[in-house]
Amino acid sequence: MTRQGGHKKMRRDNDPIGNFRFKLELGSIQVAGFSECTGLQLETKVYEYKEGGRNSHSLKFPDAGSVGNITLKRGIATGANADVLYDWHRDVMTGTFDQNKNPNKRSSDPEEDIKQKCAIILNDDAGNEVKRWNLSRVFPVKWVGPELKATASELAIETLELACEGIELQTG
């Protein structure tokens, strides 16, 4: 429940959920405080077949699917997990993985579900998990540090772009 104008207001089941409470989960680490998440998308390509004698239009069939790259932005912060995104991308670039900190590490146990290694989580107004998008075989492809300007008063923002092979929606 939230207070609005002195009255208690409760979210109904069919009310839309705000897009401003979300987090990234890397392994068992929840990296919170993102200001933006874009590119969470699945797309199916269309194969067009021009059948002889049918001049008004072509036939359309679903072709291969693709998964978009996900871009995350957050303010630079201090603390225990402050550099986890940079470190993860640096590990992927150099091919050196710290087995204790790498969320993309593959277990030797084939039964372990690697899709639980990385997820984007949407929370409701009370902070409860509402939806979870599990990302399979995800890895960082681009990290952008903050633009530093002595004359500016904006927050220092870092950006991380992730590639993944699949997205599965898990509802809570």
Protein backbone atom coordinates (compact mmCIF):
# COMPACT_ATOMS: atom_id res chain seq x y z
CA MET A 1 0.00 0.00 0.00
CA THR A 2 1.14 3.52 -0.71
CA ARG A 3 -0.10 6.80 0.66
CA GLN A 4 -1.33 9.38 -1.78
CA GLY A 5 -3.00 12.55 -0.56
CA GLY A 6 -3.62 11.04 2.89
CA HIS A 7 -5.54 8.06 1.48
CA LYS A 8 -4.31 4.51 1.29
CA LYS A 9 -4.00 3.30 -2.27
CA MET A 10 -3.56 -0.35 -3.15
CA ARG A 11 -2.40 -1.61 -6.53
CA ARG A 12 -4.93 -3.87 -8.19
CA ASP A 13 -3.84 -7.05 -10.00
CA ASN A 14 -4.61 -5.66 -13.43
CA ASP A 15 -2.92 -2.26 -12.88
CA PRO A 16 0.22 -1.73 -14.97
CA ILE A 17 3.52 -1.97 -13.13
CA GLY A 18 5.93 0.97 -13.18
CA ASN A 19 9.10 0.53 -15.23
CA PHE A 20 11.37 2.27 -12.73
CA ARG A 21 12.08 -0.52 -10.19
CA PHE A 22 14.37 -3.13 -11.67
CA LYS A 23 17.71 -4.74 -11.02
CA LEU A 24 20.28 -7.00 -12.63
CA GLU A 25 21.17 -10.25 -10.93
CA LEU A 26 24.60 -11.70 -11.77
CA GLY A 27 24.92 -15.11 -10.21
CA SER A 28 24.09 -14.52 -6.56
CA ILE A 29 24.98 -10.79 -6.73
CA GLN A 30 22.18 -8.26 -7.19
CA VAL A 31 23.59 -5.17 -8.87
CA ALA A 32 20.99 -2.52 -8.11
CA GLY A 33 20.62 1.16 -8.94
CA PHE A 34 20.23 1.08 -12.73
CA SER A 35 18.67 4.13 -14.30
CA GLU A 36 17.91 2.47 -17.64
CA CYS A 37 17.54 -0.96 -19.26
CA THR A 38 16.87 -1.17 -23.02
CA GLY A 39 16.96 -3.85 -25.69
CA LEU A 40 15.08 -6.57 -23.82
CA GLN A 41 13.58 -7.99 -27.01
CA LEU A 42 12.95 -11.06 -29.12
CA GLU A 43 12.41 -10.79 -32.86
CA THR A 44 11.31 -13.23 -35.54
CA LYS A 45 12.54 -12.60 -39.06
CA VAL A 46 10.06 -13.00 -41.90
CA TYR A 47 10.73 -15.10 -45.00
CA GLU A 48 8.79 -13.86 -48.03
CA TYR A 49 7.93 -16.31 -50.79
CA LYS A 50 6.72 -15.02 -54.15
CA GLU A 51 4.40 -17.68 -55.48
CA GLY A 52 3.96 -17.85 -59.25
CA GLY A 53 0.62 -16.48 -60.43
CA ARG A 54 0.04 -14.53 -57.18
CA ASN A 55 1.00 -10.97 -58.12
CA SER A 56 -0.92 -9.06 -55.47
CA HIS A 57 1.25 -10.12 -52.54
CA SER A 58 3.88 -12.57 -51.39
CA LEU A 59 3.42 -15.31 -48.81
CA LYS A 60 5.08 -14.70 -45.44
CA PHE A 61 6.51 -17.34 -43.12
CA PRO A 62 8.34 -17.09 -39.79
CA ASP A 63 12.09 -17.50 -40.18
CA ALA A 64 14.94 -17.55 -37.68
CA GLY A 65 14.55 -15.66 -34.42
CA SER A 66 17.03 -13.30 -32.82
CA VAL A 67 17.65 -11.83 -29.38
CA GLY A 68 18.57 -8.17 -29.02
CA ASN A 69 21.53 -6.88 -27.04
CA ILE A 70 20.60 -5.44 -23.67
CA THR A 71 21.99 -2.07 -22.58
CA LEU A 72 22.14 -1.13 -18.90
CA LYS A 73 23.01 2.28 -17.48
CA ARG A 74 23.69 3.19 -13.88
CA GLY A 75 25.33 5.87 -11.80
CA ILE A 76 28.88 5.21 -10.64
CA ALA A 77 28.84 4.26 -6.97
CA THR A 78 31.13 2.96 -4.28
CA GLY A 79 30.74 -0.21 -2.27
CA ALA A 80 31.29 -3.94 -2.44
CA ASN A 81 29.81 -4.45 -5.94
CA ALA A 82 30.80 -1.09 -7.43
CA ASP A 83 33.18 -2.51 -10.05
CA VAL A 84 31.49 -5.85 -10.77
CA LEU A 85 30.30 -4.83 -14.27
CA TYR A 86 33.69 -3.49 -15.34
CA ASP A 87 35.46 -6.53 -13.88
CA TRP A 88 33.09 -8.93 -15.65
CA HIS A 89 33.67 -7.29 -19.02
CA ARG A 90 37.42 -7.12 -18.46
CA ASP A 91 37.45 -10.86 -17.61
CA VAL A 92 35.59 -11.69 -20.83
CA MET A 93 37.93 -9.50 -22.90
CA THR A 94 41.09 -11.02 -21.49
CA GLY A 95 39.81 -14.57 -21.15
CA THR A 96 40.84 -14.69 -17.51
CA PHE A 97 37.99 -15.56 -15.22
CA ASP A 98 38.01 -15.38 -11.45
CA GLN A 99 36.00 -18.51 -10.70
CA ASN A 100 34.61 -17.01 -7.49
CA LYS A 101 33.24 -13.84 -9.13
CA ASN A 102 32.31 -14.81 -12.69
CA PRO A 103 28.50 -15.02 -13.09
CA ASN A 104 28.89 -16.63 -16.52
CA LYS A 105 31.02 -19.53 -15.25
CA ARG A 106 29.84 -22.89 -16.52
CA SER A 107 29.52 -25.58 -13.93
CA SER A 108 31.02 -29.00 -14.57
CA ASP A 109 27.63 -30.39 -13.52
CA PRO A 110 25.48 -30.63 -16.71
CA GLU A 111 22.31 -30.63 -14.60
CA GLU A 112 22.91 -27.10 -13.29
CA ASP A 113 20.69 -24.57 -15.03
CA ILE A 114 22.94 -21.86 -16.47
CA LYS A 115 19.90 -19.67 -17.20
CA GLN A 116 19.77 -18.74 -13.51
CA LYS A 117 23.20 -17.07 -13.75
CA CYS A 118 21.90 -13.72 -15.05
CA ALA A 119 18.46 -12.10 -14.88
CA ILE A 120 16.71 -8.74 -15.20
CA ILE A 121 14.15 -8.43 -12.40
CA LEU A 122 11.15 -6.06 -12.33
CA ASN A 123 9.77 -5.12 -8.90
CA ASP A 124 6.45 -3.57 -7.93
CA ASP A 125 6.09 -0.40 -5.85
CA ALA A 126 6.64 -2.36 -2.62
CA GLY A 127 9.88 -3.91 -3.93
CA ASN A 128 8.43 -7.39 -4.52
CA GLU A 129 9.61 -9.34 -7.56
CA VAL A 130 6.90 -9.37 -10.24
CA LYS A 131 8.69 -10.54 -13.39
CA ARG A 132 12.08 -12.06 -14.10
CA TRP A 133 13.74 -12.32 -17.47
CA ASN A 134 16.36 -15.06 -17.30
CA LEU A 135 19.14 -14.50 -19.82
CA SER A 136 20.90 -17.56 -21.19
CA ARG A 137 24.57 -17.62 -22.16
CA VAL A 138 24.98 -13.91 -21.50
CA PHE A 139 28.25 -12.01 -21.68
CA PRO A 140 29.25 -8.34 -21.84
CA VAL A 141 30.22 -6.97 -25.24
CA LYS A 142 30.72 -3.29 -24.42
CA TRP A 143 31.45 -1.21 -21.32
CA VAL A 144 31.40 2.60 -21.48
CA GLY A 145 32.72 4.69 -18.62
CA PRO A 146 31.34 8.05 -17.54
CA GLU A 147 31.80 11.27 -19.47
CA LEU A 148 33.83 13.46 -17.15
CA LYS A 149 33.47 17.24 -17.53
CA ALA A 150 34.67 19.79 -15.02
CA THR A 151 31.88 22.19 -16.01
CA ALA A 152 29.01 19.69 -15.71
CA SER A 153 26.89 18.81 -12.69
CA GLU A 154 25.40 15.51 -13.95
CA LEU A 155 25.84 12.08 -12.44
CA ALA A 156 28.71 9.90 -13.62
CA ILE A 157 27.01 7.10 -15.61
CA GLU A 158 28.48 3.79 -16.75
CA THR A 159 26.95 1.71 -19.54
CA LEU A 160 27.15 -2.04 -20.09
CA GLU A 161 25.91 -3.83 -23.20
CA LEU A 162 25.14 -7.55 -22.91
CA ALA A 163 24.71 -10.17 -25.62
CA CYS A 164 22.71 -13.31 -24.88
CA GLU A 165 21.37 -16.32 -26.75
CA GLY A 166 17.96 -16.43 -25.15
CA ILE A 167 15.45 -14.69 -22.88
CA GLU A 168 12.90 -16.61 -20.84
CA LEU A 169 10.12 -14.87 -18.93
CA GLN A 170 9.52 -16.20 -15.43
CA THR A 171 6.53 -14.81 -13.57
CA GLY A 172 6.46 -14.69 -9.78
